[in-house]
C-alpha atoms as a PDB file:
ATOM      1  CA  MET A   1     220.216  44.572  39.733  1.00  0.00           C
ATOM      2  CA  PRO A   2     221.154  46.914  36.953  1.00  0.00           C
ATOM      3  CA  HIS A   3     224.388  45.961  35.001  1.00  0.00           C
ATOM      4  CA  PHE A   4     224.637  48.553  32.064  1.00  0.00           C
ATOM      5  CA  PHE A   5     227.974  47.749  30.952  1.00  0.00           C
ATOM      6  CA  LYS A   6     228.756  43.913  31.024  1.00  0.00           C
ATOM      7  CA  SER A   7     232.731  44.695  29.626  1.00  0.00           C
ATOM      8  CA  ILE A   8     235.211  47.813  28.113  1.00  0.00           C
ATOM      9  CA  ARG A   9     238.375  47.217  26.375  1.00  0.00           C
ATOM     10  CA  ILE A  10     240.181  50.899  25.546  1.00  0.00           C
ATOM     11  CA  ARG A  11     243.088  51.067  23.010  1.00  0.00           C
ATOM     12  CA  ASN A  12     245.289  53.790  21.834  1.00  0.00           C
ATOM     13  CA  LEU A  13     243.565  56.195  23.899  1.00  0.00           C
ATOM     14  CA  LEU A  14     245.167  58.193  26.687  1.00  0.00           C
ATOM     15  CA  SER A  15     247.502  56.248  28.944  1.00  0.00           C
ATOM     16  CA  PHE A  16     245.612  52.750  27.321  1.00  0.00           C
ATOM     17  CA  GLY A  17     248.125  51.177  24.818  1.00  0.00           C
ATOM     18  CA  PRO A  18     246.998  48.998  21.872  1.00  0.00           C
ATOM     19  CA  ASP A  19     247.113  45.579  23.947  1.00  0.00           C
ATOM     20  CA  SER A  20     245.187  46.957  26.505  1.00  0.00           C
ATOM     21  CA  PRO A  21     242.893  43.990  28.023  1.00  0.00           C
ATOM     22  CA  GLU A  22     239.425  43.793  28.272  1.00  0.00           C
ATOM     23  CA  LEU A  23     237.653  44.661  31.943  1.00  0.00           C
ATOM     24  CA  VAL A  24     234.315  42.854  32.753  1.00  0.00           C
ATOM     25  CA  LEU A  25     232.328  45.204  34.559  1.00  0.00           C
ATOM     26  CA  LYS A  26     230.344  44.511  38.031  1.00  0.00           C
ATOM     27  CA  PRO A  27     227.528  46.664  39.595  1.00  0.00           C
ATOM     28  CA  ILE A  28     230.021  48.172  42.182  1.00  0.00           C
ATOM     29  CA  ASN A  29     233.595  48.511  40.476  1.00  0.00           C
ATOM     30  CA  ILE A  30     236.212  50.070  42.987  1.00  0.00           C
ATOM     31  CA  VAL A  31     239.135  50.878  41.204  1.00  0.00           C
ATOM     32  CA  ILE A  32     242.439  51.379  43.114  1.00  0.00           C
ATOM     33  CA  GLY A  33     246.420  52.024  42.051  1.00  0.00           C
ATOM     34  CA  PRO A  34     248.915  54.681  42.840  1.00  0.00           C
ATOM     35  CA  ASN A  35     248.938  57.935  41.115  1.00  0.00           C
ATOM     36  CA  GLY A  36     249.667  58.058  37.264  1.00  0.00           C
ATOM     37  CA  SER A  37     248.368  54.819  37.123  1.00  0.00           C
ATOM     38  CA  GLY A  38     245.477  55.530  34.880  1.00  0.00           C
ATOM     39  CA  LYS A  39     242.282  55.864  36.882  1.00  0.00           C
ATOM     40  CA  SER A  40     241.495  59.097  35.974  1.00  0.00           C
ATOM     41  CA  ASN A  41     241.856  58.209  32.199  1.00  0.00           C
ATOM     42  CA  PHE A  42     239.737  55.642  32.352  1.00  0.00           C
ATOM     43  CA  LEU A  43     237.035  57.732  33.585  1.00  0.00           C
ATOM     44  CA  ALA A  44     238.021  60.237  30.843  1.00  0.00           C
ATOM     45  CA  ALA A  45     237.480  57.389  28.729  1.00  0.00           C
ATOM     46  CA  LEU A  46     233.624  57.065  29.627  1.00  0.00           C
ATOM     47  CA  TRP A  47     233.044  60.436  29.579  1.00  0.00           C
ATOM     48  CA  LEU A  48     234.261  60.329  26.093  1.00  0.00           C
ATOM     49  CA  LEU A  49     231.262  57.459  25.182  1.00  0.00           C
ATOM     50  CA  SER A  50     228.829  59.803  26.683  1.00  0.00           C
ATOM     51  CA  GLU A  51     229.961  62.782  24.460  1.00  0.00           C
ATOM     52  CA  PRO A  52     230.929  61.114  21.800  1.00  0.00           C
ATOM     53  CA  GLY A  53     229.769  64.132  19.133  1.00  0.00           C
ATOM     54  CA  ASP A  54     229.248  63.170  15.381  1.00  0.00           C
ATOM     55  CA  ILE A  55     231.973  66.198  14.771  1.00  0.00           C
ATOM     56  CA  PHE A  56     234.981  67.038  15.818  1.00  0.00           C
ATOM     57  CA  ASP A  57     234.307  68.972  19.242  1.00  0.00           C
ATOM     58  CA  PRO A  58     236.718  70.574  21.195  1.00  0.00           C
ATOM     59  CA  VAL A  59     237.692  68.820  24.786  1.00  0.00           C
ATOM     60  CA  ILE A  60     238.630  70.209  27.540  1.00  0.00           C
ATOM     61  CA  PRO A  61     240.183  73.654  27.172  1.00  0.00           C
ATOM     62  CA  GLY A  62     243.722  74.091  26.515  1.00  0.00           C
ATOM     63  CA  GLY A  63     243.501  70.615  24.614  1.00  0.00           C
ATOM     64  CA  ILE A  64     244.790  66.927  25.987  1.00  0.00           C
ATOM     65  CA  GLU A  65     246.731  64.922  23.906  1.00  0.00           C
ATOM     66  CA  TRP A  66     244.313  61.977  23.964  1.00  0.00           C
ATOM     67  CA  LYS A  67     246.335  59.892  21.427  1.00  0.00           C
ATOM     68  CA  TRP A  68     248.263  57.026  22.949  1.00  0.00           C
ATOM     69  CA  ASN A  69     251.943  57.625  23.012  1.00  0.00           C
ATOM     70  CA  HIS A  70     250.888  61.150  20.940  1.00  0.00           C
ATOM     71  CA  GLU A  71     251.053  58.683  17.965  1.00  0.00           C
ATOM     72  CA  GLN A  72     249.321  60.355  14.766  1.00  0.00           C
ATOM     73  CA  GLN A  73     248.970  56.785  12.875  1.00  0.00           C
ATOM     74  CA  SER A  74     247.509  54.386  15.430  1.00  0.00           C
ATOM     75  CA  ARG A  75     243.838  54.252  15.840  1.00  0.00           C
ATOM     76  CA  ALA A  76     241.899  54.514  18.930  1.00  0.00           C
ATOM     77  CA  PHE A  77     239.090  52.414  20.225  1.00  0.00           C
ATOM     78  CA  ILE A  78     236.745  51.971  23.036  1.00  0.00           C
ATOM     79  CA  GLU A  79     234.799  48.497  22.482  1.00  0.00           C
ATOM     80  CA  ILE A  80     231.960  48.122  25.126  1.00  0.00           C
ATOM     81  CA  GLU A  81     229.460  45.355  25.479  1.00  0.00           C
ATOM     82  CA  THR A  82     226.209  46.111  26.784  1.00  0.00           C
ATOM     83  CA  GLU A  83     223.005  43.635  26.415  1.00  0.00           C
ATOM     84  CA  GLY A  84     224.465  40.498  25.360  1.00  0.00           C
ATOM     85  CA  LYS A  85     226.735  42.467  22.642  1.00  0.00           C
ATOM     86  CA  LYS A  86     230.003  44.255  21.792  1.00  0.00           C
ATOM     87  CA  TYR A  87     230.284  47.798  19.875  1.00  0.00           C
ATOM     88  CA  PRO A  88     233.416  49.072  18.555  1.00  0.00           C
ATOM     89  CA  CYS A  89     233.621  52.879  18.606  1.00  0.00           C
ATOM     90  CA  GLU A  90     236.867  54.369  16.577  1.00  0.00           C
ATOM     91  CA  TYR A  91     238.000  57.590  17.486  1.00  0.00           C
ATOM     92  CA  HIS A  92     239.898  60.394  15.896  1.00  0.00           C
ATOM     93  CA  VAL A  93     241.120  62.279  18.501  1.00  0.00           C
ATOM     94  CA  GLY A  94     244.078  65.027  18.512  1.00  0.00           C
ATOM     95  CA  LYS A  95     245.437  67.906  20.466  1.00  0.00           C
ATOM     96  CA  ASN A  96     242.234  69.812  20.251  1.00  0.00           C
ATOM     97  CA  TYR A  97     239.347  67.847  19.113  1.00  0.00           C
ATOM     98  CA  ARG A  98     237.980  64.773  19.130  1.00  0.00           C
ATOM     99  CA  GLY A  99     235.211  62.772  17.385  1.00  0.00           C
ATOM    100  CA  VAL A 100     233.710  59.573  16.628  1.00  0.00           C
ATOM    101  CA  LEU A 101     235.499  58.568  13.313  1.00  0.00           C
ATOM    102  CA  GLY A 102     233.633  54.851  12.557  1.00  0.00           C
ATOM    103  CA  SER A 103     231.203  52.573  14.549  1.00  0.00           C
ATOM    104  CA  SER A 104     228.789  50.260  13.268  1.00  0.00           C
ATOM    105  CA  ASP A 105     225.264  51.539  12.653  1.00  0.00           C
ATOM    106  CA  SER A 106     224.065  49.167  16.162  1.00  0.00           C
ATOM    107  CA  ALA A 107     226.634  51.049  17.941  1.00  0.00           C
ATOM    108  CA  GLY A 108     225.440  54.380  16.927  1.00  0.00           C
ATOM    109  CA  LYS A 109     222.378  53.569  17.706  1.00  0.00           C
ATOM    110  CA  HIS A 110     223.492  52.542  21.334  1.00  0.00           C
ATOM    111  CA  ILE A 111     225.948  55.348  21.538  1.00  0.00           C
ATOM    112  CA  GLN A 112     222.870  57.792  22.218  1.00  0.00           C
ATOM    113  CA  SER A 113     221.846  56.018  25.262  1.00  0.00           C
ATOM    114  CA  PHE A 114     225.612  56.568  26.708  1.00  0.00           C
ATOM    115  CA  SER A 115     224.369  60.219  27.396  1.00  0.00           C
ATOM    116  CA  ASP A 116     222.975  58.793  30.535  1.00  0.00           C
ATOM    117  CA  LEU A 117     226.253  58.526  32.150  1.00  0.00           C
ATOM    118  CA  PHE A 118     226.987  60.543  35.319  1.00  0.00           C
ATOM    119  CA  PHE A 119     230.075  62.200  36.667  1.00  0.00           C
ATOM    120  CA  PHE A 120     231.249  63.111  40.002  1.00  0.00           C
ATOM    121  CA  ARG A 121     234.519  64.657  39.033  1.00  0.00           C
ATOM    122  CA  ASP A 122     236.236  68.042  39.987  1.00  0.00           C
ATOM    123  CA  TRP A 123     233.635  69.529  41.510  1.00  0.00           C
ATOM    124  CA  GLN A 124     233.775  73.408  43.421  1.00  0.00           C
ATOM    125  CA  TYR A 125     232.554  73.638  46.611  1.00  0.00           C
ATOM    126  CA  GLY A 126     234.608  76.631  47.961  1.00  0.00           C
ATOM    127  CA  PRO A 127     233.227  80.355  49.224  1.00  0.00           C
ATOM    128  CA  THR A 128     232.889  80.724  45.290  1.00  0.00           C
ATOM    129  CA  ALA A 129     231.137  77.751  44.049  1.00  0.00           C
ATOM    130  CA  PRO A 130     228.429  77.995  42.450  1.00  0.00           C
ATOM    131  CA  VAL A 131     226.187  76.034  44.808  1.00  0.00           C
ATOM    132  CA  ARG A 132     226.745  78.746  47.697  1.00  0.00           C
ATOM    133  CA  SER A 133     225.661  81.497  45.380  1.00  0.00           C
ATOM    134  CA  GLY A 134     222.080  81.574  46.831  1.00  0.00           C
ATOM    135  CA  PRO A 135     218.692  80.530  46.095  1.00  0.00           C
ATOM    136  CA  GLN A 136     218.137  78.579  43.191  1.00  0.00           C
ATOM    137  CA  PRO A 137     216.000  78.887  40.576  1.00  0.00           C
ATOM    138  CA  ILE A 138     212.654  77.189  40.784  1.00  0.00           C
ATOM    139  CA  ASP A 139     212.489  76.501  36.972  1.00  0.00           C
ATOM    140  CA  LEU A 140     215.961  74.584  36.671  1.00  0.00           C
ATOM    141  CA  SER A 141     215.874  70.649  36.238  1.00  0.00           C
ATOM    142  CA  SER A 142     215.750  68.293  38.883  1.00  0.00           C
ATOM    143  CA  GLU A 143     216.314  65.272  37.013  1.00  0.00           C
ATOM    144  CA  ARG A 144     220.253  65.186  37.401  1.00  0.00           C
ATOM    145  CA  LEU A 145     222.548  66.984  39.890  1.00  0.00           C
ATOM    146  CA  ARG A 146     224.382  69.712  37.521  1.00  0.00           C
ATOM    147  CA  THR A 147     228.437  69.326  37.649  1.00  0.00           C
ATOM    148  CA  ASP A 148     228.238  72.950  39.343  1.00  0.00           C
ATOM    149  CA  GLY A 149     225.701  71.768  42.159  1.00  0.00           C
ATOM    150  CA  ARG A 150     223.042  74.625  41.779  1.00  0.00           C
ATOM    151  CA  ASN A 151     220.292  72.553  41.373  1.00  0.00           C
ATOM    152  CA  LEU A 152     220.808  70.768  44.320  1.00  0.00           C
ATOM    153  CA  ALA A 153     217.718  71.851  46.643  1.00  0.00           C
ATOM    154  CA  HIS A 154     215.574  70.310  43.173  1.00  0.00           C
ATOM    155  CA  VAL A 155     217.486  67.328  43.509  1.00  0.00           C
ATOM    156  CA  VAL A 156     217.062  66.816  47.137  1.00  0.00           C
ATOM    157  CA  LYS A 157     213.471  67.722  46.760  1.00  0.00           C
ATOM    158  CA  ARG A 158     212.860  65.316  44.736  1.00  0.00           C
ATOM    159  CA  ILE A 159     214.325  62.609  46.692  1.00  0.00           C
ATOM    160  CA  ARG A 160     212.606  63.556  49.578  1.00  0.00           C
ATOM    161  CA  GLU A 161     209.446  62.830  47.714  1.00  0.00           C
ATOM    162  CA  ASN A 162     210.190  59.572  47.219  1.00  0.00           C
ATOM    163  CA  GLU A 163     209.404  57.562  50.435  1.00  0.00           C
ATOM    164  CA  GLN A 164     212.064  54.921  50.111  1.00  0.00           C
ATOM    165  CA  SER A 165     214.650  56.984  48.679  1.00  0.00           C
ATOM    166  CA  ASN A 166     214.004  59.719  51.539  1.00  0.00           C
ATOM    167  CA  ALA A 167     214.438  56.791  54.340  1.00  0.00           C
ATOM    168  CA  LYS A 168     218.081  55.858  52.867  1.00  0.00           C
ATOM    169  CA  PHE A 169     218.876  59.780  52.715  1.00  0.00           C
ATOM    170  CA  MET A 170     217.758  60.627  56.154  1.00  0.00           C
ATOM    171  CA  GLU A 171     219.201  57.759  57.262  1.00  0.00           C
ATOM    172  CA  PHE A 172     222.798  58.152  55.877  1.00  0.00           C
ATOM    173  CA  LEU A 173     222.451  62.214  56.447  1.00  0.00           C
ATOM    174  CA  THR A 174     222.004  61.858  60.318  1.00  0.00           C
ATOM    175  CA  GLU A 175     225.162  59.546  60.397  1.00  0.00           C
ATOM    176  CA  LEU A 176     227.183  62.786  59.340  1.00  0.00           C
ATOM    177  CA  TYR A 177     227.507  64.071  62.551  1.00  0.00           C
ATOM    178  CA  GLU A 178     225.310  64.086  65.790  1.00  0.00           C
ATOM    179  CA  ASP A 179     223.932  67.520  65.742  1.00  0.00           C
ATOM    180  CA  ILE A 180     222.476  67.454  62.019  1.00  0.00           C
ATOM    181  CA  SER A 181     218.551  65.870  62.375  1.00  0.00           C
ATOM    182  CA  ASP A 182     217.546  67.337  58.672  1.00  0.00           C
ATOM    183  CA  VAL A 183     217.619  68.991  55.597  1.00  0.00           C
ATOM    184  CA  THR A 184     214.808  70.990  54.270  1.00  0.00           C
ATOM    185  CA  VAL A 185     213.745  72.533  50.697  1.00  0.00           C
ATOM    186  CA  GLU A 186     211.511  75.607  51.001  1.00  0.00           C
ATOM    187  CA  GLU A 187     209.885  77.819  48.073  1.00  0.00           C
ATOM    188  CA  ALA A 188     209.570  81.565  47.996  1.00  0.00           C
ATOM    189  CA  HIS A 189     209.639  84.011  45.339  1.00  0.00           C
ATOM    190  CA  ALA A 190     210.000  81.534  42.547  1.00  0.00           C
ATOM    191  CA  TYR A 191     213.494  80.629  44.311  1.00  0.00           C
ATOM    192  CA  TYR A 192     214.005  77.390  46.056  1.00  0.00           C
ATOM    193  CA  PHE A 193     216.212  77.633  49.768  1.00  0.00           C
ATOM    194  CA  LEU A 194     218.071  74.595  50.911  1.00  0.00           C
ATOM    195  CA  TYR A 195     218.630  74.348  54.686  1.00  0.00           C
ATOM    196  CA  VAL A 196     220.295  72.157  57.089  1.00  0.00           C
ATOM    197  CA  LEU A 197     218.623  71.954  60.245  1.00  0.00           C
ATOM    198  CA  GLU A 198     221.479  71.729  63.420  1.00  0.00           C
ATOM    199  CA  ASN A 199     220.441  71.731  66.918  1.00  0.00           C
ATOM    200  CA  GLU A 200     217.089  72.741  65.726  1.00  0.00           C
ATOM    201  CA  GLN A 201     218.634  76.147  64.174  1.00  0.00           C
ATOM    202  CA  LYS A 202     218.385  76.416  60.103  1.00  0.00           C
ATOM    203  CA  ARG A 203     221.678  76.863  58.509  1.00  0.00           C
ATOM    204  CA  ARG A 204     221.479  78.166  54.846  1.00  0.00           C
ATOM    205  CA  VAL A 205     223.636  75.808  52.290  1.00  0.00           C
ATOM    206  CA  GLU A 206     225.667  78.424  51.439  1.00  0.00           C
ATOM    207  CA  ARG A 207     226.766  78.369  55.276  1.00  0.00           C
ATOM    208  CA  ILE A 208     227.490  75.080  55.417  1.00  0.00           C
ATOM    209  CA  SER A 209     231.134  73.304  55.558  1.00  0.00           C
ATOM    210  CA  ASP A 210     232.920  72.034  52.273  1.00  0.00           C
ATOM    211  CA  GLY A 211     232.592  68.557  52.932  1.00  0.00           C
ATOM    212  CA  THR A 212     229.217  69.077  54.513  1.00  0.00           C
ATOM    213  CA  LEU A 213     228.261  70.259  50.960  1.00  0.00           C
ATOM    214  CA  ARG A 214     229.827  67.538  49.259  1.00  0.00           C
ATOM    215  CA  TYR A 215     228.573  64.911  51.386  1.00  0.00           C
ATOM    216  CA  LEU A 216     225.106  66.148  50.546  1.00  0.00           C
ATOM    217  CA  ALA A 217     226.163  66.259  46.710  1.00  0.00           C
ATOM    218  CA  LEU A 218     227.106  62.507  46.942  1.00  0.00           C
ATOM    219  CA  LEU A 219     223.706  61.358  49.071  1.00  0.00           C
ATOM    220  CA  ALA A 220     222.101  62.968  46.457  1.00  0.00           C
ATOM    221  CA  ILE A 221     223.601  61.153  43.418  1.00  0.00           C
ATOM    222  CA  LEU A 222     223.920  57.906  45.247  1.00  0.00           C
ATOM    223  CA  CYS A 223     219.747  58.363  46.751  1.00  0.00           C
ATOM    224  CA  ASP A 224     218.256  59.023  43.504  1.00  0.00           C
ATOM    225  CA  PRO A 225     215.515  56.833  42.721  1.00  0.00           C
ATOM    226  CA  GLU A 226     215.691  57.091  39.414  1.00  0.00           C
ATOM    227  CA  PRO A 227     219.602  57.578  38.482  1.00  0.00           C
ATOM    228  CA  PRO A 228     221.261  57.606  35.497  1.00  0.00           C
ATOM    229  CA  LYS A 229     222.431  53.953  34.143  1.00  0.00           C
ATOM    230  CA  LEU A 230     225.948  54.479  35.068  1.00  0.00           C
ATOM    231  CA  ILE A 231     227.590  56.969  38.080  1.00  0.00           C
ATOM    232  CA  CYS A 232     231.004  57.615  37.756  1.00  0.00           C
ATOM    233  CA  LEU A 233     232.575  58.966  40.877  1.00  0.00           C
ATOM    234  CA  GLU A 234     236.189  60.034  41.107  1.00  0.00           C
ATOM    235  CA  GLU A 235     237.638  59.787  44.843  1.00  0.00           C
ATOM    236  CA  PRO A 236     234.287  60.052  46.827  1.00  0.00           C
ATOM    237  CA  GLU A 237     236.309  60.322  49.846  1.00  0.00           C
ATOM    238  CA  LEU A 238     238.000  63.529  49.454  1.00  0.00           C
ATOM    239  CA  GLY A 239     236.761  66.121  52.149  1.00  0.00           C
ATOM    240  CA  LEU A 240     235.296  63.781  54.633  1.00  0.00           C
ATOM    241  CA  HIS A 241     236.346  62.411  57.558  1.00  0.00           C
ATOM    242  CA  PRO A 242     237.917  58.853  57.994  1.00  0.00           C
ATOM    243  CA  ASP A 243     234.589  57.798  59.973  1.00  0.00           C
ATOM    244  CA  LEU A 244     232.094  58.548  57.036  1.00  0.00           C
ATOM    245  CA  ILE A 245     233.875  56.693  54.614  1.00  0.00           C
ATOM    246  CA  HIS A 246     231.694  53.263  55.736  1.00  0.00           C
ATOM    247  CA  VAL A 247     228.663  55.306  55.104  1.00  0.00           C
ATOM    248  CA  ILE A 248     229.673  56.255  51.455  1.00  0.00           C
ATOM    249  CA  ALA A 249     230.467  52.496  50.779  1.00  0.00           C
ATOM    250  CA  LYS A 250     226.706  51.984  52.257  1.00  0.00           C
ATOM    251  CA  ALA A 251     224.901  54.577  49.871  1.00  0.00           C
ATOM    252  CA  ILE A 252     227.117  52.992  47.269  1.00  0.00           C
ATOM    253  CA  ARG A 253     225.750  49.478  47.665  1.00  0.00           C
ATOM    254  CA  TYR A 254     222.048  50.789  48.060  1.00  0.00           C
ATOM    255  CA  ALA A 255     222.737  53.108  45.018  1.00  0.00           C
ATOM    256  CA  SER A 256     224.032  49.586  43.079  1.00  0.00           C
ATOM    257  CA  GLU A 257     220.405  48.226  43.439  1.00  0.00           C
ATOM    258  CA  ARG A 258     219.000  50.827  40.842  1.00  0.00           C
ATOM    259  CA  THR A 259     222.488  51.270  38.557  1.00  0.00           C
ATOM    260  CA  GLN A 260     226.245  50.711  38.299  1.00  0.00           C
ATOM    261  CA  ILE A 261     228.887  52.232  40.050  1.00  0.00           C
ATOM    262  CA  ILE A 262     232.424  53.028  38.821  1.00  0.00           C
ATOM    263  CA  ALA A 263     234.179  54.845  41.827  1.00  0.00           C
ATOM    264  CA  THR A 264     238.321  55.133  41.829  1.00  0.00           C
ATOM    265  CA  THR A 265     239.629  55.794  45.650  1.00  0.00           C
ATOM    266  CA  HIS A 266     242.938  56.255  47.373  1.00  0.00           C
ATOM    267  CA  SER A 267     240.872  55.232  50.786  1.00  0.00           C
ATOM    268  CA  VAL A 268     242.311  52.370  52.346  1.00  0.00           C
ATOM    269  CA  SER A 269     238.924  52.013  54.884  1.00  0.00           C
ATOM    270  CA  LEU A 270     236.538  52.173  51.793  1.00  0.00           C
ATOM    271  CA  VAL A 271     238.527  49.434  50.274  1.00  0.00           C
ATOM    272  CA  ASP A 272     238.183  47.706  53.496  1.00  0.00           C
ATOM    273  CA  ASP A 273     234.052  48.155  53.204  1.00  0.00           C
ATOM    274  CA  PHE A 274     234.169  45.967  50.299  1.00  0.00           C
ATOM    275  CA  THR A 275     235.978  43.098  52.378  1.00  0.00           C
ATOM    276  CA  ASP A 276     233.151  41.042  51.308  1.00  0.00           C
ATOM    277  CA  MET A 277     232.857  41.426  47.932  1.00  0.00           C
ATOM    278  CA  PRO A 278     236.537  41.327  46.748  1.00  0.00           C
ATOM    279  CA  GLU A 279     235.313  40.905  43.080  1.00  0.00           C
ATOM    280  CA  SER A 280     234.315  44.434  43.329  1.00  0.00           C
ATOM    281  CA  ILE A 281     237.877  45.867  43.751  1.00  0.00           C
ATOM    282  CA  VAL A 282     239.541  46.355  40.065  1.00  0.00           C
ATOM    283  CA  VAL A 283     243.430  47.399  40.541  1.00  0.00           C
ATOM    284  CA  CYS A 284     244.524  49.853  37.646  1.00  0.00           C
ATOM    285  CA  GLU A 285     248.572  49.391  37.141  1.00  0.00           C
ATOM    286  CA  LYS A 286     250.719  50.513  34.472  1.00  0.00           C
ATOM    287  CA  ILE A 287     252.432  47.514  32.385  1.00  0.00           C
ATOM    288  CA  ASP A 288     255.489  48.590  30.112  1.00  0.00           C
ATOM    289  CA  GLY A 289     253.981  51.967  29.953  1.00  0.00           C
ATOM    290  CA  SER A 290     250.186  51.140  29.299  1.00  0.00           C
ATOM    291  CA  THR A 291     247.195  51.115  31.993  1.00  0.00           C
ATOM    292  CA  GLU A 292     245.790  47.754  32.564  1.00  0.00           C
ATOM    293  CA  LEU A 293     242.965  47.003  34.387  1.00  0.00           C
ATOM    294  CA  ARG A 294     242.291  43.706  36.559  1.00  0.00           C
ATOM    295  CA  ARG A 295     239.454  42.775  38.964  1.00  0.00           C
ATOM    296  CA  LEU A 296     240.669  40.809  42.006  1.00  0.00           C
ATOM    297  CA  ASP A 297     239.388  36.963  41.752  1.00  0.00           C
ATOM    298  CA  LEU A 298     237.453  35.635  44.802  1.00  0.00           C
ATOM    299  CA  GLU A 299     238.828  32.583  44.618  1.00  0.00           C
ATOM    300  CA  GLU A 300     242.389  33.917  45.010  1.00  0.00           C
ATOM    301  CA  MET A 301     241.537  35.666  47.876  1.00  0.00           C
ATOM    302  CA  ALA A 302     240.073  33.331  49.510  1.00  0.00           C
ATOM    303  CA  PRO A 303     242.817  32.109  51.830  1.00  0.00           C
ATOM    304  CA  PHE A 304     242.994  35.454  52.731  1.00  0.00           C
ATOM    305  CA  LEU A 305     240.062  36.778  53.679  1.00  0.00           C
ATOM    306  CA  ALA A 306     239.818  33.153  55.494  1.00  0.00           C
ATOM    307  CA  LYS A 307     242.244  34.410  57.929  1.00  0.00           C
ATOM    308  CA  ARG A 308     240.259  37.307  58.534  1.00  0.00           C
ATOM    309  CA  HIS A 309     242.221  39.873  56.604  1.00  0.00           C
ATOM    310  CA  ARG A 310     240.783  43.185  55.398  1.00  0.00           C
ATOM    311  CA  LEU A 311     241.244  43.876  51.762  1.00  0.00           C
ATOM    312  CA  GLY A 312     242.674  47.810  52.952  1.00  0.00           C
ATOM    313  CA  GLU A 313     245.438  45.743  54.666  1.00  0.00           C
ATOM    314  CA  LEU A 314     246.093  43.360  51.878  1.00  0.00           C
ATOM    315  CA  TRP A 315     246.015  46.574  49.315  1.00  0.00           C
ATOM    316  CA  THR A 316     248.577  48.560  51.687  1.00  0.00           C
ATOM    317  CA  SER A 317     251.148  45.120  52.019  1.00  0.00           C
ATOM    318  CA  GLY A 318     251.477  44.390  48.423  1.00  0.00           C
ATOM    319  CA  LEU A 319     249.600  41.572  48.001  1.00  0.00           C
ATOM    320  CA  ILE A 320     246.891  42.804  45.605  1.00  0.00           C
ATOM    321  CA  GLY A 321     248.717  45.090  43.812  1.00  0.00           C
ATOM    322  CA  GLY A 322     247.773  49.052  42.851  1.00  0.00           C
ATOM    323  CA  ASN A 323     251.109  50.236  44.614  1.00  0.00           C
ATOM    324  CA  ARG A 324     253.794  52.779  44.102  1.00  0.00           C
ATOM    325  CA  TRP A 325     256.313  49.738  44.187  1.00  0.00           C
END
């Protein structure tokens, strides 16, 4: 089973303080915690790894205070372990810029491979979203789903051409709702047209619901036969009926056979679906104002699970942390 990152430690960056502990990473990492605990900051730090830059590049428009407590003298570090070695990266971060200040030669070489990380965050699915703008030009890349979804037809077509991935894609797709039976990609005049087959009627992707479109995008990411080394999902449950959450959990498990998954969530149902894998749950909390990430321990959970408690139940009851109180 692929396992790209072995561990990560973030210090003096965003909500991570100077003493934030190391987190050992697994093939599946489901991050839970209250609003404001630092889950999104964890993904932001990983994004920083994927976009290191050799110079001080602009970050998110408008500027972000990346430095812990805005301390100008402190050093921001992300230390990652992969292939049995740890690589420290020091960052110079300011209000409107950031860049790699220093790293070992070996870390510098590995930083290039961190560009093969994928992030499913802040995507648009409303009526003006690019993915709804009409037919998609054939010359767009099908290697990775673009953040605006504009090449969704290309990625779906590539998945449908792979026998094993197509079988899983169709298995998950037909669980969306009873009337849906297929997704097709048709070519005409140097464009791809993406259709959903519903009650034997073709519907253009521009006309389907936001939730259905988001679900298709998630399947395109998680059923990719040649996925990136790491997939980061922010609240994959958004816009989906609660009954579909268990399908997303199955798709995450399937994807973890080929890549590594980090997903943040507020969904009790999604956490429940990993009751048989408690070590896949990471609790995110603020301790003395600093974000800390802690993985559930299988031995500690065993007595509760022996009584047939579900992980979601243990979470909402406050027994595993990650709560507002």
